[in-house]
Amino acid sequence: MKNYTFDQLPSFMKSIDERLDRLEELLNKTCRSEISDEDYISAKAASALLKFTLSTLYSKVCKREIPFYKQGNRLYFSRNELLDWIKEGRKKTLNDIDISAAAIVNRMSKKIIQE
């Protein structure tokens, strides 16, 4: 750390103050962008995100196959909920199924042995 003289302290404090202001500004931007991740999007934006046509999106809303919010005549979608909805549709691989089957066989064989 550099030693400062008494005469240099005001300029040093000003420098620190400017740096703190920049840090605060960056933190505020980061917090705002995190909040905007949970922003609600329109049907048009949701259809673009999901790569659906608007009619397909409306059809899924009508069948209640997709998470949505309705306020008056407007539909809103949570970006995070839509991404979670996509993840829920993951299909197991053959390897995942084999592992699950092996676990079930092990549990069943332990029950048979205990009886």
N, C-alpha and C. Protein backbone atom coordinates (compact mmCIF):
# COMPACT_ATOMS: atom_id res chain seq x y z
N MET A 1 0.84 -1.17 0.00
CA MET A 1 0.00 0.00 0.00
C MET A 1 0.89 1.23 0.00
N LYS A 2 0.47 2.19 -0.77
CA LYS A 2 1.26 3.40 -0.92
C LYS A 2 0.99 4.34 0.25
N ASN A 3 2.05 5.01 0.73
CA ASN A 3 1.89 6.00 1.80
C ASN A 3 1.58 7.36 1.17
N TYR A 4 0.56 8.01 1.71
CA TYR A 4 0.16 9.32 1.20
C TYR A 4 0.48 10.39 2.23
N THR A 5 0.79 11.55 1.73
CA THR A 5 1.02 12.68 2.61
C THR A 5 -0.32 13.32 2.94
N PHE A 6 -0.31 14.19 3.93
CA PHE A 6 -1.54 14.87 4.33
C PHE A 6 -2.11 15.70 3.19
N ASP A 7 -1.26 16.29 2.40
CA ASP A 7 -1.70 17.11 1.27
C ASP A 7 -2.33 16.27 0.15
N GLN A 8 -1.93 15.01 0.04
CA GLN A 8 -2.48 14.14 -0.99
C GLN A 8 -3.82 13.51 -0.60
N LEU A 9 -4.16 13.55 0.68
CA LEU A 9 -5.38 12.88 1.15
C LEU A 9 -6.66 13.37 0.45
N PRO A 10 -6.87 14.66 0.25
CA PRO A 10 -8.11 15.07 -0.42
C PRO A 10 -8.27 14.47 -1.82
N SER A 11 -7.21 14.45 -2.60
CA SER A 11 -7.31 13.87 -3.94
C SER A 11 -7.50 12.35 -3.86
N PHE A 12 -6.85 11.72 -2.87
CA PHE A 12 -7.00 10.29 -2.67
C PHE A 12 -8.44 9.96 -2.27
N MET A 13 -9.02 10.74 -1.38
CA MET A 13 -10.40 10.51 -0.95
C MET A 13 -11.38 10.72 -2.11
N LYS A 14 -11.10 11.70 -2.95
CA LYS A 14 -11.94 11.95 -4.12
C LYS A 14 -11.90 10.75 -5.06
N SER A 15 -10.72 10.19 -5.25
CA SER A 15 -10.55 9.02 -6.10
C SER A 15 -11.34 7.83 -5.55
N ILE A 16 -11.24 7.64 -4.24
CA ILE A 16 -11.98 6.55 -3.61
C ILE A 16 -13.48 6.77 -3.76
N ASP A 17 -13.93 7.98 -3.57
CA ASP A 17 -15.34 8.30 -3.71
C ASP A 17 -15.84 8.01 -5.13
N GLU A 18 -15.06 8.38 -6.13
CA GLU A 18 -15.44 8.12 -7.52
C GLU A 18 -15.51 6.63 -7.81
N ARG A 19 -14.56 5.89 -7.26
CA ARG A 19 -14.56 4.43 -7.45
C ARG A 19 -15.79 3.80 -6.79
N LEU A 20 -16.11 4.26 -5.61
CA LEU A 20 -17.29 3.73 -4.92
C LEU A 20 -18.57 4.04 -5.69
N ASP A 21 -18.65 5.23 -6.26
CA ASP A 21 -19.81 5.58 -7.08
C ASP A 21 -19.94 4.65 -8.28
N ARG A 22 -18.82 4.35 -8.92
CA ARG A 22 -18.86 3.44 -10.08
C ARG A 22 -19.27 2.04 -9.66
N LEU A 23 -18.74 1.58 -8.52
CA LEU A 23 -19.11 0.25 -8.01
C LEU A 23 -20.61 0.18 -7.69
N GLU A 24 -21.10 1.24 -7.05
CA GLU A 24 -22.52 1.29 -6.71
C GLU A 24 -23.38 1.25 -7.97
N GLU A 25 -22.96 1.97 -8.98
CA GLU A 25 -23.70 2.00 -10.25
C GLU A 25 -23.71 0.61 -10.89
N LEU A 26 -22.56 -0.06 -10.88
CA LEU A 26 -22.48 -1.42 -11.44
C LEU A 26 -23.36 -2.40 -10.67
N LEU A 27 -23.34 -2.30 -9.35
CA LEU A 27 -24.18 -3.18 -8.54
C LEU A 27 -25.66 -2.93 -8.80
N ASN A 28 -26.04 -1.68 -8.93
CA ASN A 28 -27.44 -1.37 -9.23
C ASN A 28 -27.86 -1.93 -10.58
N LYS A 29 -26.99 -1.82 -11.59
CA LYS A 29 -27.29 -2.38 -12.90
C LYS A 29 -27.45 -3.88 -12.82
N THR A 30 -26.56 -4.53 -12.06
CA THR A 30 -26.62 -5.98 -11.91
C THR A 30 -27.91 -6.40 -11.23
N CYS A 31 -28.27 -5.71 -10.17
CA CYS A 31 -29.52 -6.03 -9.46
C CYS A 31 -30.72 -5.82 -10.36
N ARG A 32 -30.73 -4.76 -11.13
CA ARG A 32 -31.85 -4.50 -12.04
C ARG A 32 -31.95 -5.58 -13.09
N SER A 33 -30.81 -6.06 -13.61
CA SER A 33 -30.86 -7.10 -14.64
C SER A 33 -31.33 -8.42 -14.05
N GLU A 34 -30.99 -8.70 -12.77
CA GLU A 34 -31.49 -9.91 -12.14
C GLU A 34 -32.99 -9.84 -11.95
N ILE A 35 -33.48 -8.69 -11.58
CA ILE A 35 -34.92 -8.52 -11.41
C ILE A 35 -35.62 -8.65 -12.75
N SER A 36 -35.02 -8.10 -13.81
CA SER A 36 -35.66 -8.15 -15.11
C SER A 36 -35.71 -9.56 -15.66
N ASP A 37 -34.88 -10.49 -15.14
CA ASP A 37 -34.96 -11.89 -15.56
C ASP A 37 -36.32 -12.48 -15.20
N GLU A 38 -36.96 -11.97 -14.15
CA GLU A 38 -38.24 -12.48 -13.72
C GLU A 38 -39.38 -11.66 -14.32
N ASP A 39 -39.03 -10.72 -15.19
CA ASP A 39 -40.06 -9.91 -15.82
C ASP A 39 -41.05 -10.80 -16.56
N TYR A 40 -42.24 -10.30 -16.65
CA TYR A 40 -43.27 -11.01 -17.38
C TYR A 40 -43.25 -10.53 -18.82
N ILE A 41 -43.41 -11.47 -19.73
CA ILE A 41 -43.30 -11.16 -21.15
C ILE A 41 -44.64 -11.36 -21.83
N SER A 42 -44.78 -10.76 -22.99
CA SER A 42 -46.01 -10.84 -23.75
C SER A 42 -46.12 -12.18 -24.47
N ALA A 43 -47.28 -12.43 -25.05
CA ALA A 43 -47.50 -13.66 -25.80
C ALA A 43 -46.55 -13.73 -27.00
N LYS A 44 -46.34 -12.59 -27.64
CA LYS A 44 -45.46 -12.56 -28.80
C LYS A 44 -44.02 -12.93 -28.40
N ALA A 45 -43.55 -12.36 -27.28
CA ALA A 45 -42.21 -12.67 -26.80
C ALA A 45 -42.11 -14.13 -26.34
N ALA A 46 -43.19 -14.63 -25.71
CA ALA A 46 -43.19 -16.03 -25.27
C ALA A 46 -43.15 -16.97 -26.46
N SER A 47 -43.90 -16.65 -27.51
CA SER A 47 -43.88 -17.51 -28.69
C SER A 47 -42.50 -17.50 -29.34
N ALA A 48 -41.83 -16.36 -29.32
CA ALA A 48 -40.47 -16.29 -29.87
C ALA A 48 -39.50 -17.10 -29.00
N LEU A 49 -39.66 -16.99 -27.68
CA LEU A 49 -38.79 -17.73 -26.76
C LEU A 49 -38.94 -19.23 -26.95
N LEU A 50 -40.18 -19.68 -27.08
CA LEU A 50 -40.47 -21.11 -27.20
C LEU A 50 -40.38 -21.62 -28.63
N LYS A 51 -40.25 -20.69 -29.58
CA LYS A 51 -40.22 -21.03 -31.00
C LYS A 51 -41.53 -21.70 -31.42
N PHE A 52 -42.65 -21.16 -30.92
CA PHE A 52 -44.00 -21.57 -31.30
C PHE A 52 -44.60 -20.46 -32.14
N THR A 53 -45.59 -20.81 -32.94
CA THR A 53 -46.38 -19.76 -33.56
C THR A 53 -47.33 -19.23 -32.50
N LEU A 54 -47.88 -18.04 -32.72
CA LEU A 54 -48.82 -17.48 -31.76
C LEU A 54 -50.05 -18.37 -31.61
N SER A 55 -50.52 -18.95 -32.71
CA SER A 55 -51.70 -19.81 -32.62
C SER A 55 -51.41 -21.06 -31.79
N THR A 56 -50.21 -21.62 -31.90
CA THR A 56 -49.83 -22.78 -31.08
C THR A 56 -49.77 -22.39 -29.61
N LEU A 57 -49.21 -21.22 -29.34
CA LEU A 57 -49.12 -20.75 -27.96
C LEU A 57 -50.52 -20.57 -27.38
N TYR A 58 -51.41 -19.92 -28.12
CA TYR A 58 -52.78 -19.71 -27.64
C TYR A 58 -53.50 -21.04 -27.44
N SER A 59 -53.23 -22.00 -28.30
CA SER A 59 -53.83 -23.32 -28.17
C SER A 59 -53.37 -23.99 -26.87
N LYS A 60 -52.09 -23.88 -26.57
CA LYS A 60 -51.55 -24.48 -25.34
C LYS A 60 -52.10 -23.76 -24.11
N VAL A 61 -52.31 -22.46 -24.21
CA VAL A 61 -52.91 -21.70 -23.11
C VAL A 61 -54.34 -22.18 -22.89
N CYS A 62 -55.09 -22.31 -23.99
CA CYS A 62 -56.48 -22.75 -23.90
C CYS A 62 -56.61 -24.13 -23.26
N LYS A 63 -55.67 -25.02 -23.56
CA LYS A 63 -55.67 -26.37 -23.00
C LYS A 63 -54.99 -26.42 -21.63
N ARG A 64 -54.48 -25.25 -21.18
CA ARG A 64 -53.75 -25.12 -19.91
C ARG A 64 -52.55 -26.06 -19.84
N GLU A 65 -51.85 -26.15 -20.94
CA GLU A 65 -50.65 -26.98 -21.02
C GLU A 65 -49.38 -26.20 -20.70
N ILE A 66 -49.51 -24.90 -20.57
CA ILE A 66 -48.36 -24.02 -20.41
C ILE A 66 -48.67 -23.02 -19.29
N PRO A 67 -47.69 -22.67 -18.44
CA PRO A 67 -47.96 -21.71 -17.36
C PRO A 67 -48.14 -20.29 -17.91
N PHE A 68 -49.20 -19.63 -17.45
CA PHE A 68 -49.48 -18.27 -17.91
C PHE A 68 -50.23 -17.50 -16.85
N TYR A 69 -50.33 -16.21 -17.04
CA TYR A 69 -51.08 -15.31 -16.18
C TYR A 69 -52.01 -14.51 -17.06
N LYS A 70 -53.18 -14.18 -16.54
CA LYS A 70 -54.11 -13.39 -17.32
C LYS A 70 -54.62 -12.25 -16.46
N GLN A 71 -54.52 -11.05 -16.99
CA GLN A 71 -55.03 -9.86 -16.33
C GLN A 71 -55.89 -9.14 -17.35
N GLY A 72 -57.19 -9.16 -17.14
CA GLY A 72 -58.09 -8.58 -18.13
C GLY A 72 -58.04 -9.41 -19.40
N ASN A 73 -57.84 -8.76 -20.52
CA ASN A 73 -57.75 -9.46 -21.80
C ASN A 73 -56.31 -9.82 -22.18
N ARG A 74 -55.38 -9.54 -21.32
CA ARG A 74 -53.97 -9.73 -21.66
C ARG A 74 -53.40 -10.99 -21.02
N LEU A 75 -52.55 -11.66 -21.78
CA LEU A 75 -51.81 -12.82 -21.28
C LEU A 75 -50.38 -12.40 -20.97
N TYR A 76 -49.87 -12.94 -19.88
CA TYR A 76 -48.49 -12.70 -19.49
C TYR A 76 -47.84 -14.03 -19.18
N PHE A 77 -46.54 -14.09 -19.40
CA PHE A 77 -45.78 -15.31 -19.16
C PHE A 77 -44.52 -14.95 -18.40
N SER A 78 -44.17 -15.79 -17.44
CA SER A 78 -42.91 -15.61 -16.72
C SER A 78 -41.82 -16.35 -17.51
N ARG A 79 -40.77 -15.63 -17.84
CA ARG A 79 -39.68 -16.23 -18.60
C ARG A 79 -39.11 -17.45 -17.87
N ASN A 80 -38.90 -17.32 -16.56
CA ASN A 80 -38.34 -18.43 -15.78
C ASN A 80 -39.27 -19.62 -15.75
N GLU A 81 -40.58 -19.39 -15.60
CA GLU A 81 -41.53 -20.49 -15.58
C GLU A 81 -41.59 -21.20 -16.93
N LEU A 82 -41.47 -20.45 -18.01
CA LEU A 82 -41.47 -21.07 -19.33
C LEU A 82 -40.22 -21.94 -19.51
N LEU A 83 -39.08 -21.45 -19.07
CA LEU A 83 -37.85 -22.23 -19.18
C LEU A 83 -37.92 -23.48 -18.30
N ASP A 84 -38.51 -23.36 -17.11
CA ASP A 84 -38.70 -24.53 -16.25
C ASP A 84 -39.66 -25.53 -16.89
N TRP A 85 -40.70 -25.01 -17.54
CA TRP A 85 -41.67 -25.87 -18.22
C TRP A 85 -40.98 -26.68 -19.31
N ILE A 86 -40.07 -26.07 -20.03
CA ILE A 86 -39.32 -26.79 -21.07
C ILE A 86 -38.48 -27.89 -20.42
N LYS A 87 -37.82 -27.57 -19.30
CA LYS A 87 -36.95 -28.55 -18.64
C LYS A 87 -37.74 -29.74 -18.11
N GLU A 88 -38.99 -29.51 -17.69
CA GLU A 88 -39.82 -30.61 -17.18
C GLU A 88 -40.11 -31.65 -18.25
N GLY A 89 -40.02 -31.26 -19.51
CA GLY A 89 -40.33 -32.18 -20.61
C GLY A 89 -39.17 -33.08 -20.99
N ARG A 90 -38.09 -33.04 -20.22
CA ARG A 90 -36.92 -33.86 -20.55
C ARG A 90 -37.29 -35.33 -20.47
N LYS A 91 -36.91 -36.07 -21.50
CA LYS A 91 -37.14 -37.51 -21.55
C LYS A 91 -35.88 -38.23 -21.10
N LYS A 92 -36.09 -39.33 -20.40
CA LYS A 92 -34.95 -40.10 -19.92
C LYS A 92 -34.24 -40.80 -21.07
N THR A 93 -32.92 -40.88 -20.94
CA THR A 93 -32.14 -41.64 -21.92
C THR A 93 -32.24 -43.12 -21.57
N LEU A 94 -31.81 -43.97 -22.47
CA LEU A 94 -31.82 -45.41 -22.18
C LEU A 94 -30.93 -45.72 -20.98
N ASN A 95 -29.84 -45.00 -20.85
CA ASN A 95 -28.94 -45.21 -19.72
C ASN A 95 -29.64 -44.83 -18.41
N ASP A 96 -30.38 -43.72 -18.40
CA ASP A 96 -31.14 -43.32 -17.21
C ASP A 96 -32.15 -44.39 -16.83
N ILE A 97 -32.82 -44.95 -17.83
CA ILE A 97 -33.83 -45.98 -17.59
C ILE A 97 -33.16 -47.24 -17.04
N ASP A 98 -32.01 -47.62 -17.59
CA ASP A 98 -31.28 -48.79 -17.09
C ASP A 98 -30.87 -48.61 -15.64
N ILE A 99 -30.41 -47.42 -15.30
CA ILE A 99 -29.98 -47.15 -13.91
C ILE A 99 -31.19 -47.23 -12.98
N SER A 100 -32.31 -46.67 -13.38
CA SER A 100 -33.53 -46.72 -12.56
C SER A 100 -33.99 -48.17 -12.40
N ALA A 101 -33.95 -48.93 -13.47
CA ALA A 101 -34.38 -50.32 -13.41
C ALA A 101 -33.47 -51.12 -12.48
N ALA A 102 -32.17 -50.90 -12.56
CA ALA A 102 -31.22 -51.61 -11.69
C ALA A 102 -31.48 -51.27 -10.23
N ALA A 103 -31.80 -50.01 -9.94
CA ALA A 103 -32.10 -49.61 -8.56
C ALA A 103 -33.37 -50.30 -8.07
N ILE A 104 -34.37 -50.42 -8.92
CA ILE A 104 -35.62 -51.09 -8.53
C ILE A 104 -35.37 -52.57 -8.29
N VAL A 105 -34.58 -53.20 -9.15
CA VAL A 105 -34.26 -54.62 -8.98
C VAL A 105 -33.51 -54.84 -7.67
N ASN A 106 -32.58 -53.96 -7.34
CA ASN A 106 -31.84 -54.08 -6.07
C ASN A 106 -32.76 -53.98 -4.87
N ARG A 107 -33.70 -53.02 -4.90
CA ARG A 107 -34.64 -52.87 -3.78
C ARG A 107 -35.54 -54.08 -3.66
N MET A 108 -36.00 -54.59 -4.80
CA MET A 108 -36.88 -55.75 -4.78
C MET A 108 -36.16 -56.98 -4.25
N SER A 109 -34.91 -57.16 -4.67
CA SER A 109 -34.15 -58.34 -4.21
C SER A 109 -33.86 -58.24 -2.72
N LYS A 110 -33.65 -57.04 -2.19
CA LYS A 110 -33.43 -56.87 -0.75
C LYS A 110 -34.69 -57.21 0.02
N LYS A 111 -35.87 -56.82 -0.51
CA LYS A 111 -37.13 -57.15 0.15
C LYS A 111 -37.37 -58.65 0.17
N ILE A 112 -37.05 -59.32 -0.93
CA ILE A 112 -37.26 -60.78 -1.03
C ILE A 112 -36.34 -61.49 -0.05
N ILE A 113 -35.10 -61.03 0.05
CA ILE A 113 -34.14 -61.65 0.97
C ILE A 113 -34.58 -61.47 2.41
N GLN A 114 -35.13 -60.28 2.75
CA GLN A 114 -35.56 -60.01 4.13
C GLN A 114 -36.77 -60.85 4.51
N GLU A 115 -37.61 -61.18 3.55
CA GLU A 115 -38.81 -61.99 3.85
C GLU A 115 -38.41 -63.40 3.98
